[in-house]
Amino acid sequence: MSFGTICQYAVYGLTYTSYGLVSYQALISKVEFYLLKLDTVKEILLGCPIGAECWRPPEGCCLKTNFDTAYNALSQTSYTGLVIRDNQGL
């Protein structure tokens, strides 16, 4: 069951599992658990992950370029993103 679905059941006062009804307290506990997991993920994403390099500004008056490209085979379209930054990150 997705987090959104759990929240919908909580908002409308419904309780549900794949096997039948559960108590409100069990539903509240599950929602609180998902919120705690979401906070943990948010903290990880805000910092630089262990073993990964974080962006560092170029030295002097140089520019740093980052780009990525994706291709959607279904629609046969491609997308490209480009970021150019100076030593101040602008």
Protein backbone atom coordinates (compact mmCIF):
# COMPACT_ATOMS: atom_id res chain seq x y z
CA MET A 1 0.00 0.00 0.00
CA SER A 2 1.43 3.39 -0.95
CA PHE A 3 1.99 6.27 1.46
CA GLY A 4 -0.65 8.34 -0.34
CA THR A 5 -3.21 5.55 0.01
CA ILE A 6 -2.47 5.20 3.72
CA CYS A 7 -2.96 8.95 4.18
CA GLN A 8 -6.26 8.81 2.28
CA TYR A 9 -7.52 6.08 4.59
CA ALA A 10 -6.36 8.07 7.61
CA VAL A 11 -8.08 11.25 6.41
CA TYR A 12 -11.40 9.53 5.71
CA GLY A 13 -11.26 7.42 8.86
CA LEU A 14 -11.09 4.16 6.94
CA THR A 15 -8.87 1.29 7.95
CA TYR A 16 -7.65 -1.32 5.52
CA THR A 17 -5.05 -4.00 4.97
CA SER A 18 -4.91 -6.60 2.25
CA TYR A 19 -6.53 -9.06 4.71
CA GLY A 20 -9.25 -6.89 6.23
CA LEU A 21 -9.88 -4.16 8.78
CA VAL A 22 -7.34 -3.01 11.36
CA SER A 23 -7.57 -0.64 14.31
CA TYR A 24 -7.15 3.13 14.01
CA GLN A 25 -4.09 2.91 16.26
CA ALA A 26 -2.44 0.43 13.88
CA LEU A 27 -3.14 2.76 10.96
CA ILE A 28 -1.77 5.77 12.85
CA SER A 29 1.36 3.80 13.73
CA LYS A 30 1.87 2.89 10.08
CA VAL A 31 1.46 6.50 8.93
CA GLU A 32 3.90 7.69 11.62
CA PHE A 33 6.39 5.02 10.49
CA TYR A 34 6.19 6.20 6.86
CA LEU A 35 6.61 9.83 7.94
CA LEU A 36 9.70 8.87 9.94
CA LYS A 37 11.14 7.07 6.90
CA LEU A 38 10.38 10.14 4.77
CA ASP A 39 12.25 12.41 7.23
CA THR A 40 15.24 10.05 7.14
CA VAL A 41 15.32 10.07 3.34
CA LYS A 42 15.04 13.88 3.31
CA GLU A 43 18.05 14.17 5.64
CA ILE A 44 20.11 11.85 3.45
CA LEU A 45 19.21 13.74 0.27
CA LEU A 46 20.02 17.15 1.76
CA GLY A 47 23.59 16.17 2.59
CA CYS A 48 26.23 14.68 0.36
CA PRO A 49 25.75 10.88 0.33
CA ILE A 50 28.62 8.80 1.67
CA GLY A 51 30.99 7.84 -1.12
CA ALA A 52 29.57 10.36 -3.56
CA GLU A 53 31.22 13.56 -4.64
CA CYS A 54 29.47 16.86 -4.01
CA TRP A 55 29.71 19.76 -6.43
CA ARG A 56 32.75 21.96 -5.90
CA PRO A 57 33.19 25.34 -7.55
CA PRO A 58 35.82 25.69 -10.26
CA GLU A 59 38.97 27.62 -9.47
CA GLY A 60 39.46 31.20 -10.64
CA CYS A 61 37.41 32.49 -13.53
CA CYS A 62 36.65 29.06 -15.04
CA LEU A 63 33.17 27.73 -15.72
CA LYS A 64 31.97 24.25 -14.85
CA THR A 65 29.48 22.48 -17.12
CA ASN A 66 27.22 19.57 -16.17
CA PHE A 67 24.74 17.95 -18.53
CA ASP A 68 22.51 14.92 -18.78
CA THR A 69 20.43 13.45 -21.57
CA ALA A 70 17.51 11.03 -21.51
CA TYR A 71 15.68 9.25 -24.31
CA ASN A 72 12.04 8.16 -24.20
CA ALA A 73 11.72 5.19 -26.57
CA LEU A 74 7.92 5.20 -26.41
CA SER A 75 7.55 8.76 -27.71
CA GLN A 76 10.90 8.71 -29.52
CA THR A 77 11.92 12.01 -27.94
CA SER A 78 15.07 13.02 -26.15
CA TYR A 79 15.62 15.57 -23.41
CA THR A 80 18.80 17.36 -22.42
CA GLY A 81 19.56 19.44 -19.35
CA LEU A 82 22.56 21.73 -19.11
CA VAL A 83 23.94 23.65 -16.11
CA ILE A 84 26.88 26.06 -16.33
CA ARG A 85 28.24 27.56 -13.10
CA ASP A 86 31.03 29.94 -12.21
CA ASN A 87 33.16 29.85 -9.05
CA GLN A 88 30.28 31.42 -7.06
CA GLY A 89 27.82 28.76 -8.18
CA LEU A 90 25.89 31.20 -10.39
